[in-house]
Amino acid sequence: MSQFTPFRVEVLFRHYRNDLPPGLLRALEPLKLRYEVIPTQDPHEDTAFGMISGHTELAEDDIGDWVQKIIAPFNGDVLSWGFAWRWTP
């Protein structure tokens, strides 16, 4: 029996401000991942920050690399990750 564990990943996308990179949600949807914008207070910031969340069978150490492969085509980078119950941004 498979064990799916909730996780969260803090990410950033350079040169997008608070906009979503085109195609990001289409890439996340088939994997049943959600994206939430983390608003920035700096009006001159050219980087969008967000949180990707979902459920996985992966080990906690493998989540960051997996999400990085998904968001790299959108000029994204993983900042931090962890299982949801241990999450501390």
C-alpha atoms as a PDB file:
ATOM      1  CA  MET A   1       0.000   0.000   0.000  1.00  0.00           C
ATOM      2  CA  SER A   2       1.342   3.419  -0.969  1.00  0.00           C
ATOM      3  CA  GLN A   3       1.885   6.148   1.585  1.00  0.00           C
ATOM      4  CA  PHE A   4       1.333   9.682   0.242  1.00  0.00           C
ATOM      5  CA  THR A   5       2.729  12.435   2.442  1.00  0.00           C
ATOM      6  CA  PRO A   6       1.834  16.149   2.183  1.00  0.00           C
ATOM      7  CA  PHE A   7       4.728  18.476   1.372  1.00  0.00           C
ATOM      8  CA  ARG A   8       5.477  22.143   0.673  1.00  0.00           C
ATOM      9  CA  VAL A   9       8.212  23.717  -1.434  1.00  0.00           C
ATOM     10  CA  GLU A  10       9.136  27.407  -1.398  1.00  0.00           C
ATOM     11  CA  VAL A  11      10.112  28.541  -4.900  1.00  0.00           C
ATOM     12  CA  LEU A  12      11.030  31.653  -6.846  1.00  0.00           C
ATOM     13  CA  PHE A  13      10.746  32.678 -10.484  1.00  0.00           C
ATOM     14  CA  ARG A  14      13.112  35.364 -11.722  1.00  0.00           C
ATOM     15  CA  HIS A  15      11.851  38.176 -13.953  1.00  0.00           C
ATOM     16  CA  TYR A  16       8.146  37.583 -13.281  1.00  0.00           C
ATOM     17  CA  ARG A  17       7.324  39.944 -10.396  1.00  0.00           C
ATOM     18  CA  ASN A  18       4.048  38.656  -8.909  1.00  0.00           C
ATOM     19  CA  ASP A  19       2.916  37.081 -12.184  1.00  0.00           C
ATOM     20  CA  LEU A  20       2.912  33.368 -12.856  1.00  0.00           C
ATOM     21  CA  PRO A  21       5.248  32.117 -15.558  1.00  0.00           C
ATOM     22  CA  PRO A  22       3.178  31.128 -18.615  1.00  0.00           C
ATOM     23  CA  GLY A  23       2.487  27.399 -18.584  1.00  0.00           C
ATOM     24  CA  LEU A  24       3.408  26.830 -14.935  1.00  0.00           C
ATOM     25  CA  LEU A  25      -0.072  25.818 -13.805  1.00  0.00           C
ATOM     26  CA  ARG A  26      -0.436  23.503 -16.823  1.00  0.00           C
ATOM     27  CA  ALA A  27       2.809  21.774 -15.768  1.00  0.00           C
ATOM     28  CA  LEU A  28       1.677  21.388 -12.140  1.00  0.00           C
ATOM     29  CA  GLU A  29      -1.919  20.313 -12.753  1.00  0.00           C
ATOM     30  CA  PRO A  30      -1.308  16.750 -14.056  1.00  0.00           C
ATOM     31  CA  LEU A  31       0.886  16.122 -11.004  1.00  0.00           C
ATOM     32  CA  LYS A  32      -1.896  17.383  -8.701  1.00  0.00           C
ATOM     33  CA  LEU A  33       0.360  20.135  -7.363  1.00  0.00           C
ATOM     34  CA  ARG A  34      -0.898  23.531  -6.217  1.00  0.00           C
ATOM     35  CA  TYR A  35       0.812  26.923  -6.461  1.00  0.00           C
ATOM     36  CA  GLU A  36       0.246  29.818  -4.080  1.00  0.00           C
ATOM     37  CA  VAL A  37       1.777  33.269  -4.619  1.00  0.00           C
ATOM     38  CA  ILE A  38       3.772  34.732  -1.736  1.00  0.00           C
ATOM     39  CA  PRO A  39       3.266  38.504  -2.154  1.00  0.00           C
ATOM     40  CA  THR A  40       6.307  40.764  -2.007  1.00  0.00           C
ATOM     41  CA  GLN A  41       6.289  44.179  -0.375  1.00  0.00           C
ATOM     42  CA  ASP A  42       8.934  45.605  -2.727  1.00  0.00           C
ATOM     43  CA  PRO A  43       7.323  47.181  -5.834  1.00  0.00           C
ATOM     44  CA  HIS A  44      10.674  46.990  -7.651  1.00  0.00           C
ATOM     45  CA  GLU A  45      11.168  43.261  -7.027  1.00  0.00           C
ATOM     46  CA  ASP A  46      11.529  41.359 -10.301  1.00  0.00           C
ATOM     47  CA  THR A  47      11.149  37.914  -8.743  1.00  0.00           C
ATOM     48  CA  ALA A  48       7.914  36.073  -7.962  1.00  0.00           C
ATOM     49  CA  PHE A  49       7.905  33.971  -4.798  1.00  0.00           C
ATOM     50  CA  GLY A  50       5.512  31.118  -4.213  1.00  0.00           C
ATOM     51  CA  MET A  51       4.695  27.860  -2.504  1.00  0.00           C
ATOM     52  CA  ILE A  52       4.102  24.577  -4.311  1.00  0.00           C
ATOM     53  CA  SER A  53       2.269  21.921  -2.336  1.00  0.00           C
ATOM     54  CA  GLY A  54       0.916  18.447  -2.872  1.00  0.00           C
ATOM     55  CA  HIS A  55       1.309  14.833  -1.798  1.00  0.00           C
ATOM     56  CA  THR A  56       4.124  12.459  -2.681  1.00  0.00           C
ATOM     57  CA  GLU A  57       5.559   9.011  -2.113  1.00  0.00           C
ATOM     58  CA  LEU A  58       9.101  10.409  -2.397  1.00  0.00           C
ATOM     59  CA  ALA A  59      11.514  10.619   0.503  1.00  0.00           C
ATOM     60  CA  GLU A  60      11.708  14.117   1.969  1.00  0.00           C
ATOM     61  CA  ASP A  61      15.293  14.562   0.712  1.00  0.00           C
ATOM     62  CA  ASP A  62      14.183  13.905  -2.888  1.00  0.00           C
ATOM     63  CA  ILE A  63      11.327  16.424  -3.066  1.00  0.00           C
ATOM     64  CA  GLY A  64      13.485  19.477  -3.803  1.00  0.00           C
ATOM     65  CA  ASP A  65      15.245  17.896  -6.786  1.00  0.00           C
ATOM     66  CA  TRP A  66      11.947  16.603  -8.196  1.00  0.00           C
ATOM     67  CA  VAL A  67      10.248  20.014  -8.015  1.00  0.00           C
ATOM     68  CA  GLN A  68      13.375  21.735  -9.382  1.00  0.00           C
ATOM     69  CA  LYS A  69      13.144  19.599 -12.533  1.00  0.00           C
ATOM     70  CA  ILE A  70       9.515  20.650 -12.973  1.00  0.00           C
ATOM     71  CA  ILE A  71      10.062  24.408 -12.528  1.00  0.00           C
ATOM     72  CA  ALA A  72      13.493  24.819 -14.167  1.00  0.00           C
ATOM     73  CA  PRO A  73      11.985  25.429 -17.654  1.00  0.00           C
ATOM     74  CA  PHE A  74      10.126  28.409 -16.140  1.00  0.00           C
ATOM     75  CA  ASN A  75      13.311  30.009 -14.759  1.00  0.00           C
ATOM     76  CA  GLY A  76      12.377  28.729 -11.304  1.00  0.00           C
ATOM     77  CA  ASP A  77      14.472  27.745  -8.325  1.00  0.00           C
ATOM     78  CA  VAL A  78      13.665  25.785  -5.183  1.00  0.00           C
ATOM     79  CA  LEU A  79      14.492  27.631  -1.965  1.00  0.00           C
ATOM     80  CA  SER A  80      13.404  25.148   0.704  1.00  0.00           C
ATOM     81  CA  TRP A  81      11.145  22.122   1.099  1.00  0.00           C
ATOM     82  CA  GLY A  82       9.830  19.637   3.592  1.00  0.00           C
ATOM     83  CA  PHE A  83       6.941  17.511   4.670  1.00  0.00           C
ATOM     84  CA  ALA A  84       4.028  19.764   5.579  1.00  0.00           C
ATOM     85  CA  TRP A  85       3.930  18.930   9.290  1.00  0.00           C
ATOM     86  CA  ARG A  86       7.598  19.948   9.659  1.00  0.00           C
ATOM     87  CA  TRP A  87       7.358  23.069   7.507  1.00  0.00           C
ATOM     88  CA  THR A  88       9.235  26.133   8.744  1.00  0.00           C
ATOM     89  CA  PRO A  89       9.814  28.718   5.996  1.00  0.00           C
END
